[in-house]
Every structure is written in structure tokens, then in C-alpha cells.
Amino acid sequence: MRKLLFAIVLAFGTVGAASASVIYTDTYDAGGIKMNGSLFGADDSVSWQFNILGDGYNPASQEITAAAVELNLRDDHGWFEWLIPEFAILDTGTNIFSWEVDTGTSNFIVNSLMTLSDTGLMDVTLTATLGDFYLDTATLIVAATDRAVPVPEPTPLALMGLGLLGLAYARRRRA
């Protein structure tokens, strides 16, 4: 029975690869920048660059599978807020998000990861389009996996064939 189990492990356990997911983060500390937006004038903007290379991300050997930007915003709760709500636009280079600003955390899933995956860098711009609010911090959260190493086709087939031969041999000896 042990030989049969060994043959099964040999046949199926050696074919395939596993890769673990690694989480990288980079935080931009804005220090409570007040942002004002107006329908009649220039809107305040702040730009920064997220960089996950310093955390160990390697574009040559890893691939990004998911990314999100988390903004920590504060509303100033002015007396006229019931009349004029706050709105903002977040531009990540590949995605543009527009929303009504509330105090707390706002999360945005970044859909196109090609530039981030190739360089480990992401340029971001936050623009106040109406009302006023404070930007405290912005955090990029990235999930990455090791790129699969290509395995030549004959090798897995040969290993599977050896495993099947081992199963046949074990079964024949048992009979």
C-alpha cells in the first residue's frame, strides 16, 4: 500500500507549481492638506507617486494581481455644507474616480495594473472639484505573486509516465 501511495505522489505531486501571494503597501502622508474646489475658479490638486519597489517588489520576477488605493479624508463640517456638498476626483493614471467626499476612509480598486506591474510605481492626483475637505493619508495596497516559471512540456509528461509505470508495477507486484 505504501508503494502505491508513493507512486501516486510521484505521478501527481511533482506536476504543477505553487506561488504565494505577497502584500505590499506604500503610504503617502499628506499631513492634513486642505483642499478647496469651486465651480467658478481653480480647483486644488495634490499629486504624489506610490513606490512599492522599496518594499521588495521585483517587476522582473513578480506579477501584480490586485491593487487598491485607500484615502483617509476629513470633512471640515462648515456651516454651509447642507447647501454645498464636497466632490473630488482621484486619477490613478489608468482609472478616474469621482465621488462625494465624506469623513473617513474611501477605497478604490485599481483595475488596470499594467504600469504598476511593469514599474512598481503609480502616479496619483487628487482634485477637489466642489467644497472643501482635508487629505490626511493615502495608501496603496498591492497583492503580487511570483511569475510562473515555464516548465518544458516533455518533463511533466515523463514524470507522469513514470508515475503511471510505478502504479502499474505496484499493482502487478500486489497481484
C-alpha atoms as a PDB file:
ATOM      1  CA  MET A   1       0.000   0.000   0.000  1.00  0.00           C
ATOM      2  CA  ARG A   2       2.880   2.393   0.794  1.00  0.00           C
ATOM      3  CA  LYS A   3       4.360   1.793  -2.639  1.00  0.00           C
ATOM      4  CA  LEU A   4       1.035   2.590  -4.285  1.00  0.00           C
ATOM      5  CA  LEU A   5       0.759   5.822  -2.298  1.00  0.00           C
ATOM      6  CA  PHE A   6       4.350   6.716  -3.211  1.00  0.00           C
ATOM      7  CA  ALA A   7       3.601   6.121  -6.889  1.00  0.00           C
ATOM      8  CA  ILE A   8       0.515   8.377  -6.743  1.00  0.00           C
ATOM      9  CA  VAL A   9       2.502  11.141  -5.054  1.00  0.00           C
ATOM     10  CA  LEU A  10       5.257  10.759  -7.646  1.00  0.00           C
ATOM     11  CA  ALA A  11       2.752  10.912 -10.509  1.00  0.00           C
ATOM     12  CA  PHE A  12       0.712  13.903  -9.410  1.00  0.00           C
ATOM     13  CA  GLY A  13       2.702  15.664  -6.713  1.00  0.00           C
ATOM     14  CA  THR A  14       5.573  16.706  -8.937  1.00  0.00           C
ATOM     15  CA  VAL A  15       3.478  18.131 -11.771  1.00  0.00           C
ATOM     16  CA  GLY A  16       2.464  21.765 -11.088  1.00  0.00           C
ATOM     17  CA  ALA A  17       3.735  24.800  -9.284  1.00  0.00           C
ATOM     18  CA  ALA A  18       2.624  26.870  -6.336  1.00  0.00           C
ATOM     19  CA  SER A  19       3.097  30.568  -5.791  1.00  0.00           C
ATOM     20  CA  ALA A  20       2.353  32.524  -2.657  1.00  0.00           C
ATOM     21  CA  SER A  21       0.724  35.940  -2.678  1.00  0.00           C
ATOM     22  CA  VAL A  22       2.684  38.808  -1.119  1.00  0.00           C
ATOM     23  CA  ILE A  23       1.114  42.081   0.062  1.00  0.00           C
ATOM     24  CA  TYR A  24       2.954  45.381  -0.482  1.00  0.00           C
ATOM     25  CA  THR A  25       1.866  48.778   0.827  1.00  0.00           C
ATOM     26  CA  ASP A  26       3.050  52.330   0.358  1.00  0.00           C
ATOM     27  CA  THR A  27       1.600  55.285   2.271  1.00  0.00           C
ATOM     28  CA  TYR A  28       1.643  58.953   1.334  1.00  0.00           C
ATOM     29  CA  ASP A  29       1.305  61.181   4.404  1.00  0.00           C
ATOM     30  CA  ALA A  30      -0.316  64.418   3.235  1.00  0.00           C
ATOM     31  CA  GLY A  31      -0.358  65.874   6.731  1.00  0.00           C
ATOM     32  CA  GLY A  32      -3.920  67.176   6.564  1.00  0.00           C
ATOM     33  CA  ILE A  33      -3.762  69.235   3.362  1.00  0.00           C
ATOM     34  CA  LYS A  34      -6.902  71.366   2.992  1.00  0.00           C
ATOM     35  CA  MET A  35      -8.359  71.045  -0.487  1.00  0.00           C
ATOM     36  CA  ASN A  36     -10.869  73.511  -1.961  1.00  0.00           C
ATOM     37  CA  GLY A  37     -12.984  73.073  -5.056  1.00  0.00           C
ATOM     38  CA  SER A  38     -15.166  75.638  -6.772  1.00  0.00           C
ATOM     39  CA  LEU A  39     -17.450  75.796  -9.755  1.00  0.00           C
ATOM     40  CA  PHE A  40     -16.082  79.236 -10.635  1.00  0.00           C
ATOM     41  CA  GLY A  41     -12.320  79.010 -10.161  1.00  0.00           C
ATOM     42  CA  ALA A  42      -9.287  76.779  -9.993  1.00  0.00           C
ATOM     43  CA  ASP A  43      -9.588  73.543  -8.069  1.00  0.00           C
ATOM     44  CA  ASP A  44      -6.935  72.426  -5.569  1.00  0.00           C
ATOM     45  CA  SER A  45      -4.969  69.346  -6.595  1.00  0.00           C
ATOM     46  CA  VAL A  46      -2.251  67.312  -4.969  1.00  0.00           C
ATOM     47  CA  SER A  47      -0.116  64.724  -6.792  1.00  0.00           C
ATOM     48  CA  TRP A  48       2.219  62.049  -5.486  1.00  0.00           C
ATOM     49  CA  GLN A  49       3.809  58.788  -6.578  1.00  0.00           C
ATOM     50  CA  PHE A  50       3.364  55.425  -4.892  1.00  0.00           C
ATOM     51  CA  ASN A  51       6.509  53.279  -4.959  1.00  0.00           C
ATOM     52  CA  ILE A  52       6.454  49.603  -3.896  1.00  0.00           C
ATOM     53  CA  LEU A  53       9.984  48.848  -5.137  1.00  0.00           C
ATOM     54  CA  GLY A  54      11.454  49.748  -1.736  1.00  0.00           C
ATOM     55  CA  ASP A  55       9.214  47.167  -0.065  1.00  0.00           C
ATOM     56  CA  GLY A  56      10.742  44.328  -2.074  1.00  0.00           C
ATOM     57  CA  TYR A  57       8.541  44.219  -5.168  1.00  0.00           C
ATOM     58  CA  ASN A  58      10.510  42.998  -8.205  1.00  0.00           C
ATOM     59  CA  PRO A  59       8.861  43.660 -11.603  1.00  0.00           C
ATOM     60  CA  ALA A  60      11.100  41.072 -13.288  1.00  0.00           C
ATOM     61  CA  SER A  61      10.006  38.151 -11.122  1.00  0.00           C
ATOM     62  CA  GLN A  62       6.593  39.167  -9.716  1.00  0.00           C
ATOM     63  CA  GLU A  63       3.194  39.994 -11.146  1.00  0.00           C
ATOM     64  CA  ILE A  64       0.575  42.211  -9.514  1.00  0.00           C
ATOM     65  CA  THR A  65      -2.808  40.534  -9.220  1.00  0.00           C
ATOM     66  CA  ALA A  66      -4.801  43.237  -7.388  1.00  0.00           C
ATOM     67  CA  ALA A  67      -4.382  46.799  -6.157  1.00  0.00           C
ATOM     68  CA  ALA A  68      -6.431  49.333  -4.214  1.00  0.00           C
ATOM     69  CA  VAL A  69      -5.965  52.946  -3.180  1.00  0.00           C
ATOM     70  CA  GLU A  70      -7.262  53.932   0.256  1.00  0.00           C
ATOM     71  CA  LEU A  71      -7.772  57.635   1.046  1.00  0.00           C
ATOM     72  CA  ASN A  72      -8.217  58.947   4.575  1.00  0.00           C
ATOM     73  CA  LEU A  73     -10.223  62.186   4.281  1.00  0.00           C
ATOM     74  CA  ARG A  74     -11.761  64.620   6.772  1.00  0.00           C
ATOM     75  CA  ASP A  75     -14.671  66.909   6.172  1.00  0.00           C
ATOM     76  CA  ASP A  76     -14.375  70.373   7.724  1.00  0.00           C
ATOM     77  CA  HIS A  77     -18.126  70.407   8.627  1.00  0.00           C
ATOM     78  CA  GLY A  78     -18.639  74.023   7.594  1.00  0.00           C
ATOM     79  CA  TRP A  79     -21.929  75.766   8.297  1.00  0.00           C
ATOM     80  CA  PHE A  80     -22.963  75.788   4.600  1.00  0.00           C
ATOM     81  CA  GLU A  81     -22.315  72.071   3.989  1.00  0.00           C
ATOM     82  CA  TRP A  82     -26.019  71.318   3.823  1.00  0.00           C
ATOM     83  CA  LEU A  83     -26.089  73.539   0.736  1.00  0.00           C
ATOM     84  CA  ILE A  84     -22.762  72.668  -0.992  1.00  0.00           C
ATOM     85  CA  PRO A  85     -21.503  69.077  -0.725  1.00  0.00           C
ATOM     86  CA  GLU A  86     -17.839  68.175  -1.371  1.00  0.00           C
ATOM     87  CA  PHE A  87     -16.807  66.325  -4.506  1.00  0.00           C
ATOM     88  CA  ALA A  88     -13.405  65.041  -5.605  1.00  0.00           C
ATOM     89  CA  ILE A  89     -11.710  63.248  -8.477  1.00  0.00           C
ATOM     90  CA  LEU A  90      -8.987  60.618  -7.994  1.00  0.00           C
ATOM     91  CA  ASP A  91      -6.832  59.957 -11.062  1.00  0.00           C
ATOM     92  CA  THR A  92      -4.545  56.905 -10.884  1.00  0.00           C
ATOM     93  CA  GLY A  93      -3.386  57.209 -14.478  1.00  0.00           C
ATOM     94  CA  THR A  94      -5.483  54.276 -15.638  1.00  0.00           C
ATOM     95  CA  ASN A  95      -8.657  54.888 -13.635  1.00  0.00           C
ATOM     96  CA  ILE A  96     -10.533  58.077 -12.802  1.00  0.00           C
ATOM     97  CA  PHE A  97     -12.950  58.070  -9.874  1.00  0.00           C
ATOM     98  CA  SER A  98     -15.382  60.867  -8.957  1.00  0.00           C
ATOM     99  CA  TRP A  99     -17.371  60.790  -5.717  1.00  0.00           C
ATOM    100  CA  GLU A 100     -18.930  62.805  -2.916  1.00  0.00           C
ATOM    101  CA  VAL A 101     -16.431  63.198  -0.087  1.00  0.00           C
ATOM    102  CA  ASP A 102     -17.346  62.058   3.418  1.00  0.00           C
ATOM    103  CA  THR A 103     -15.217  61.886   6.544  1.00  0.00           C
ATOM    104  CA  GLY A 104     -13.436  58.546   6.863  1.00  0.00           C
ATOM    105  CA  THR A 105     -11.818  56.101   4.507  1.00  0.00           C
ATOM    106  CA  SER A 106     -12.616  55.793   0.816  1.00  0.00           C
ATOM    107  CA  ASN A 107     -11.391  52.719  -1.093  1.00  0.00           C
ATOM    108  CA  PHE A 108     -10.862  52.443  -4.840  1.00  0.00           C
ATOM    109  CA  ILE A 109      -9.979  49.269  -6.724  1.00  0.00           C
ATOM    110  CA  VAL A 110      -7.420  49.929  -9.448  1.00  0.00           C
ATOM    111  CA  ASN A 111      -8.459  47.914 -12.499  1.00  0.00           C
ATOM    112  CA  SER A 112      -5.593  48.292 -14.953  1.00  0.00           C
ATOM    113  CA  LEU A 113      -2.372  47.131 -13.341  1.00  0.00           C
ATOM    114  CA  MET A 114      -0.019  47.083 -16.333  1.00  0.00           C
ATOM    115  CA  THR A 115       2.026  50.200 -15.490  1.00  0.00           C
ATOM    116  CA  LEU A 116       2.196  49.345 -11.796  1.00  0.00           C
ATOM    117  CA  SER A 117       3.200  45.753 -12.583  1.00  0.00           C
ATOM    118  CA  ASP A 118       5.919  46.838 -15.047  1.00  0.00           C
ATOM    119  CA  THR A 119       7.492  49.608 -12.946  1.00  0.00           C
ATOM    120  CA  GLY A 120       6.334  49.299  -9.319  1.00  0.00           C
ATOM    121  CA  LEU A 121       5.337  52.980  -9.495  1.00  0.00           C
ATOM    122  CA  MET A 122       1.928  54.674  -9.693  1.00  0.00           C
ATOM    123  CA  ASP A 123       1.311  58.406 -10.221  1.00  0.00           C
ATOM    124  CA  VAL A 124      -1.819  59.685  -8.459  1.00  0.00           C
ATOM    125  CA  THR A 125      -3.635  63.035  -8.444  1.00  0.00           C
ATOM    126  CA  LEU A 126      -6.469  64.040  -6.115  1.00  0.00           C
ATOM    127  CA  THR A 127      -8.511  67.082  -7.122  1.00  0.00           C
ATOM    128  CA  ALA A 128     -11.203  68.863  -5.101  1.00  0.00           C
ATOM    129  CA  THR A 129     -13.948  69.806  -7.568  1.00  0.00           C
ATOM    130  CA  LEU A 130     -16.520  71.258  -5.159  1.00  0.00           C
ATOM    131  CA  GLY A 131     -16.490  72.166  -1.480  1.00  0.00           C
ATOM    132  CA  ASP A 132     -13.568  71.706   0.888  1.00  0.00           C
ATOM    133  CA  PHE A 133     -12.061  68.799   2.810  1.00  0.00           C
ATOM    134  CA  TYR A 134      -8.740  67.582   4.249  1.00  0.00           C
ATOM    135  CA  LEU A 135      -6.491  64.819   2.906  1.00  0.00           C
ATOM    136  CA  ASP A 136      -4.635  63.055   5.727  1.00  0.00           C
ATOM    137  CA  THR A 137      -3.127  59.924   4.142  1.00  0.00           C
ATOM    138  CA  ALA A 138      -3.300  57.809   1.012  1.00  0.00           C
ATOM    139  CA  THR A 139      -2.262  54.151   0.961  1.00  0.00           C
ATOM    140  CA  LEU A 140      -1.644  51.800  -1.948  1.00  0.00           C
ATOM    141  CA  ILE A 141      -2.255  48.121  -1.135  1.00  0.00           C
ATOM    142  CA  VAL A 142      -0.975  45.621  -3.695  1.00  0.00           C
ATOM    143  CA  ALA A 143      -1.166  41.825  -3.940  1.00  0.00           C
ATOM    144  CA  ALA A 144       1.578  40.229  -6.050  1.00  0.00           C
ATOM    145  CA  THR A 145       2.614  36.684  -6.882  1.00  0.00           C
ATOM    146  CA  ASP A 146       5.797  35.184  -8.265  1.00  0.00           C
ATOM    147  CA  ARG A 147       5.705  34.742 -12.014  1.00  0.00           C
ATOM    148  CA  ALA A 148       5.290  31.105 -13.000  1.00  0.00           C
ATOM    149  CA  VAL A 149       8.473  29.528 -14.269  1.00  0.00           C
ATOM    150  CA  PRO A 150       7.772  27.870 -17.610  1.00  0.00           C
ATOM    151  CA  VAL A 151       8.250  24.111 -17.493  1.00  0.00           C
ATOM    152  CA  PRO A 152       9.190  22.324 -20.700  1.00  0.00           C
ATOM    153  CA  GLU A 153       6.378  20.020 -21.863  1.00  0.00           C
ATOM    154  CA  PRO A 154       8.359  16.737 -22.037  1.00  0.00           C
ATOM    155  CA  THR A 155       9.348  16.891 -18.361  1.00  0.00           C
ATOM    156  CA  PRO A 156       5.840  16.793 -16.812  1.00  0.00           C
ATOM    157  CA  LEU A 157       4.754  14.136 -19.300  1.00  0.00           C
ATOM    158  CA  ALA A 158       7.791  12.000 -18.492  1.00  0.00           C
ATOM    159  CA  LEU A 159       7.155  12.348 -14.756  1.00  0.00           C
ATOM    160  CA  MET A 160       3.509  11.423 -15.193  1.00  0.00           C
ATOM    161  CA  GLY A 161       4.519   8.425 -17.323  1.00  0.00           C
ATOM    162  CA  LEU A 162       6.976   7.281 -14.659  1.00  0.00           C
ATOM    163  CA  GLY A 163       4.274   7.605 -12.031  1.00  0.00           C
ATOM    164  CA  LEU A 164       1.833   5.559 -14.085  1.00  0.00           C
ATOM    165  CA  LEU A 165       4.525   2.921 -14.645  1.00  0.00           C
ATOM    166  CA  GLY A 166       5.089   2.884 -10.891  1.00  0.00           C
ATOM    167  CA  LEU A 167       1.363   2.363 -10.299  1.00  0.00           C
ATOM    168  CA  ALA A 168       1.283  -0.481 -12.820  1.00  0.00           C
ATOM    169  CA  TYR A 169       4.367  -2.071 -11.254  1.00  0.00           C
ATOM    170  CA  ALA A 170       2.945  -1.806  -7.733  1.00  0.00           C
ATOM    171  CA  ARG A 171      -0.349  -3.288  -8.840  1.00  0.00           C
ATOM    172  CA  ARG A 172       1.381  -6.148 -10.685  1.00  0.00           C
ATOM    173  CA  ARG A 173       3.552  -6.992  -7.647  1.00  0.00           C
ATOM    174  CA  ARG A 174       0.493  -6.971  -5.441  1.00  0.00           C
ATOM    175  CA  ALA A 175      -1.390  -9.473  -7.628  1.00  0.00           C
END
